Structures are given as C-alpha cells and as structure tokens.
Amino acid sequence: MHWKISKEFDFCYGHRVWSQELNPEFSLDPCLKCRHLHGHQGKIIIYLQSDVLTNGMVTDFKHLNWFKAFIDDVLDHKFILDIHDPLFETLLPHYANKKDLIEFPEGFKAFNLTKIKDEPEHILEMYEGFIIVDFVPTSENLSAWIMKIVQEKIEKLNITVSKVEFYETPKSKSSVYA
C-alpha cells in the first residue's frame, strides 16, 4: 500500500518562451504569442507519497509551509527569464555580461543590486523583479524544476514527490512524475 497527499499553491508570474515554434497544421496560425513578454496566474500542485504513515499521515501539510514561503518570496510577481534568452542583454543592459548574479541553491539566480545601487529606484525595482534560470521557462521545465526543489528538501522526511502539476492557466497544465 501507498498513500498520496497533495497541496496547491497559487502565484502570479511572468515569462517568455523564446524557443517557441509552431506547426501551422496543428496551431491553425503561425502566431508565436508565447515569445512575447507575458504573465500568468499560475498554480502548482505538489503530490507527496509514502508507503508508511507516520502519526496516521504521509506528512503534515504544514511541512510544505517552507515551499509556500519560497513561492511567495521567490516566484510571486516575478519575471522568470532564461539566462540564454536572446533578449537578456536588451531587457537587462546593466547585467549584459551576465556577471554579478547571486546563485541560490534552488537553481536560480538574482541580481546583485549593489552594482546598480546609485540608479533610480524604478531601475532597482525592475531588476529585483527578475529571477534568472538556466532553462526556457515553459510549464514543463518549471514543473521539473519545482519537483527537484521539493524532492531535495522533503526527502529528509522519508517521503517522495510523486508528481508536480504546473497550471499555466486554469485550462493548461503540465505534469511531471517521479
């Protein structure tokens, strides 16, 4: 026997899928809308699994409070940008050389704002609104990234992340399975 539980997390984010290609036979038109800068009301559902119950539970739902804090502090109202995006230098000219980035253990980077501390406040606010990843931020790649982050933390409780669902919109989602 094994048990599964799940918990949902909502957040707003922006991204750009610069690698988007369409086959007009299936898409009915060649419009590459996901190449534009755009945003979503995203939702992540984390599925945890165990073959053993501890205190009658897979784990307490509160054991995912750290992930809620991660979503709120790192992803919510941020623009997720691939460091390899051809528009990187255009969008973020102060860091066109891609140096002076702070690396985080969860696999993303942010700007070291001390480099531009003398810039106007609106410039600082713009740069703090980006998180930089090393992949095209599609829902598929984001769900795999989230799964890795959660699994690395939650394995200390001897449970497994069996699936992550990433809703880009209420009608469009990707799922990744362990």
Protein backbone atom coordinates (compact mmCIF):
# COMPACT_ATOMS: atom_id res chain seq x y z
CA MET A 1 0.00 0.00 0.00
CA HIS A 2 0.99 3.59 -0.50
CA TRP A 3 -0.70 6.89 0.23
CA LYS A 4 -0.64 10.21 -1.59
CA ILE A 5 -1.49 13.71 -0.46
CA SER A 6 -1.42 16.95 -2.41
CA LYS A 7 -1.29 20.66 -1.73
CA GLU A 8 -1.94 23.60 -4.08
CA PHE A 9 -0.06 26.88 -4.32
CA ASP A 10 -1.15 29.91 -6.36
CA PHE A 11 1.05 32.75 -7.58
CA CYS A 12 1.41 35.31 -10.36
CA TYR A 13 4.45 35.27 -12.62
CA GLY A 14 5.71 36.36 -15.99
CA HIS A 15 7.91 34.66 -18.54
CA ARG A 16 8.82 34.44 -22.21
CA VAL A 17 9.19 31.23 -24.20
CA TRP A 18 11.79 32.47 -26.65
CA SER A 19 12.22 28.98 -28.16
CA GLN A 20 8.57 28.62 -29.18
CA GLU A 21 7.94 27.11 -32.61
CA LEU A 22 4.57 26.21 -34.08
CA ASN A 23 3.40 23.81 -36.75
CA PRO A 24 0.61 25.76 -38.52
CA GLU A 25 -1.12 22.49 -39.48
CA PHE A 26 -1.97 21.98 -35.80
CA SER A 27 -1.92 25.52 -34.41
CA LEU A 28 -4.03 26.90 -37.31
CA ASP A 29 -1.86 30.03 -37.43
CA PRO A 30 1.84 30.89 -37.11
CA CYS A 31 1.42 33.46 -34.29
CA LEU A 32 4.14 32.94 -31.67
CA LYS A 33 2.39 34.62 -28.70
CA CYS A 34 4.50 32.88 -26.05
CA ARG A 35 7.60 34.62 -27.42
CA HIS A 36 6.10 37.88 -26.10
CA LEU A 37 6.71 39.03 -22.54
CA HIS A 38 3.55 37.92 -20.75
CA GLY A 39 2.19 36.81 -17.40
CA HIS A 40 0.03 34.12 -15.84
CA GLN A 41 -1.93 33.28 -12.73
CA GLY A 42 -0.09 30.04 -12.04
CA LYS A 43 -0.89 27.14 -9.78
CA ILE A 44 1.38 24.35 -8.58
CA ILE A 45 0.08 21.13 -7.07
CA ILE A 46 2.62 19.05 -5.18
CA TYR A 47 1.83 15.33 -4.70
CA LEU A 48 3.64 13.56 -1.87
CA GLN A 49 3.71 9.80 -1.44
CA SER A 50 4.73 7.30 1.21
CA ASP A 51 4.39 3.59 1.83
CA VAL A 52 4.35 4.22 5.57
CA LEU A 53 2.17 6.54 7.61
CA THR A 54 3.72 8.50 10.45
CA ASN A 55 1.17 9.50 13.09
CA GLY A 56 -1.52 8.43 10.61
CA MET A 57 -0.25 10.78 7.87
CA VAL A 58 2.04 10.80 4.84
CA THR A 59 3.24 14.04 6.43
CA ASP A 60 1.64 17.09 7.94
CA PHE A 61 0.58 19.66 5.34
CA LYS A 62 2.46 22.25 7.39
CA HIS A 63 5.67 20.55 6.26
CA LEU A 64 5.12 22.39 2.98
CA ASN A 65 4.99 25.85 4.60
CA TRP A 66 8.63 26.37 3.55
CA PHE A 67 7.56 25.87 -0.06
CA LYS A 68 4.76 28.42 0.30
CA ALA A 69 7.39 30.88 1.57
CA PHE A 70 9.60 30.03 -1.43
CA ILE A 71 6.72 30.73 -3.83
CA ASP A 72 5.85 33.99 -2.07
CA ASP A 73 9.43 35.24 -1.76
CA VAL A 74 10.98 33.99 -5.00
CA LEU A 75 8.33 33.45 -7.68
CA ASP A 76 5.24 35.52 -6.88
CA HIS A 77 5.04 38.64 -9.06
CA LYS A 78 8.44 37.91 -10.59
CA PHE A 79 9.50 37.53 -14.19
CA ILE A 80 11.27 34.21 -14.83
CA LEU A 81 13.91 34.66 -17.53
CA ASP A 82 16.23 32.14 -19.16
CA ILE A 83 19.84 33.33 -18.97
CA HIS A 84 20.23 32.15 -22.59
CA ASP A 85 17.27 34.20 -23.86
CA PRO A 86 18.49 36.28 -26.83
CA LEU A 87 16.69 39.30 -25.29
CA PHE A 88 18.59 39.06 -21.99
CA GLU A 89 21.05 41.83 -22.84
CA THR A 90 18.31 44.05 -24.28
CA LEU A 91 16.00 43.65 -21.29
CA LEU A 92 18.70 43.89 -18.64
CA PRO A 93 21.54 46.05 -20.01
CA HIS A 94 23.19 46.68 -16.61
CA TYR A 95 23.97 42.95 -16.48
CA ALA A 96 24.54 42.27 -20.19
CA ASN A 97 27.75 40.43 -19.31
CA LYS A 98 25.68 38.11 -17.07
CA LYS A 99 28.09 38.65 -14.17
CA ASP A 100 27.34 39.86 -10.65
CA LEU A 101 24.49 37.39 -10.28
CA ILE A 102 23.77 35.77 -6.93
CA GLU A 103 23.31 32.00 -7.21
CA PHE A 104 20.82 30.22 -4.97
CA PRO A 105 20.85 26.51 -4.02
CA GLU A 106 17.40 26.06 -5.56
CA GLY A 107 18.87 26.60 -9.03
CA PHE A 108 18.08 30.21 -9.84
CA LYS A 109 19.97 33.48 -9.89
CA ALA A 110 19.10 37.04 -8.93
CA PHE A 111 20.85 40.32 -9.49
CA ASN A 112 23.36 41.71 -7.02
CA LEU A 113 21.76 45.14 -6.76
CA THR A 114 24.82 46.73 -5.13
CA LYS A 115 26.25 47.07 -8.65
CA ILE A 116 23.43 49.49 -9.55
CA LYS A 117 22.76 50.98 -6.10
CA ASP A 118 23.08 54.53 -7.46
CA GLU A 119 20.45 54.01 -10.16
CA PRO A 120 16.95 55.47 -9.69
CA GLU A 121 14.53 53.46 -7.54
CA HIS A 122 12.45 52.33 -10.54
CA ILE A 123 15.54 50.70 -12.10
CA LEU A 124 16.33 48.83 -8.86
CA GLU A 125 12.69 47.70 -8.63
CA MET A 126 12.78 46.42 -12.20
CA TYR A 127 15.91 44.34 -11.62
CA GLU A 128 14.64 42.86 -8.35
CA GLY A 129 11.57 41.69 -10.26
CA PHE A 130 13.55 39.11 -12.27
CA ILE A 131 14.71 35.66 -11.39
CA ILE A 132 17.12 34.03 -13.78
CA VAL A 133 17.07 30.33 -14.60
CA ASP A 134 19.20 28.14 -16.85
CA PHE A 135 16.32 26.80 -18.94
CA VAL A 136 13.48 28.05 -21.11
CA PRO A 137 10.69 28.71 -18.56
CA THR A 138 8.00 26.53 -20.13
CA SER A 139 5.44 24.94 -17.82
CA GLU A 140 7.14 21.58 -18.42
CA ASN A 141 10.57 22.88 -17.39
CA LEU A 142 9.14 24.81 -14.45
CA SER A 143 7.31 21.72 -13.15
CA ALA A 144 10.53 19.64 -13.35
CA TRP A 145 12.48 22.41 -11.57
CA ILE A 146 9.87 22.63 -8.81
CA MET A 147 9.88 18.84 -8.41
CA LYS A 148 13.65 18.85 -7.90
CA ILE A 149 13.48 21.65 -5.32
CA VAL A 150 10.72 19.99 -3.30
CA GLN A 151 12.19 16.47 -3.52
CA GLU A 152 15.62 17.61 -2.29
CA LYS A 153 14.02 19.17 0.80
CA ILE A 154 11.23 16.68 1.54
CA GLU A 155 13.37 13.52 1.26
CA LYS A 156 14.60 14.30 4.80
CA LEU A 157 11.13 13.17 5.93
CA ASN A 158 11.44 9.86 4.01
CA ILE A 159 8.64 10.73 1.61
CA THR A 160 8.63 11.14 -2.16
CA VAL A 161 7.31 13.75 -4.53
CA SER A 162 5.34 11.54 -6.90
CA LYS A 163 4.05 14.28 -9.19
CA VAL A 164 4.02 18.02 -9.75
CA GLU A 165 1.31 19.71 -11.77
CA PHE A 166 2.02 23.20 -13.06
CA TYR A 167 -1.01 25.14 -14.25
CA GLU A 168 -0.02 27.96 -16.56
CA THR A 169 -3.69 28.85 -16.93
CA PRO A 170 -6.83 27.24 -15.47
CA LYS A 171 -7.09 25.13 -18.66
CA SER A 172 -3.43 24.44 -19.47
CA LYS A 173 -1.09 22.42 -17.30
CA SER A 174 1.98 20.22 -17.42
CA SER A 175 2.66 17.29 -15.14
CA VAL A 176 5.93 15.63 -14.24
CA TYR A 177 6.11 12.28 -12.48
CA ALA A 178 8.88 10.73 -10.38
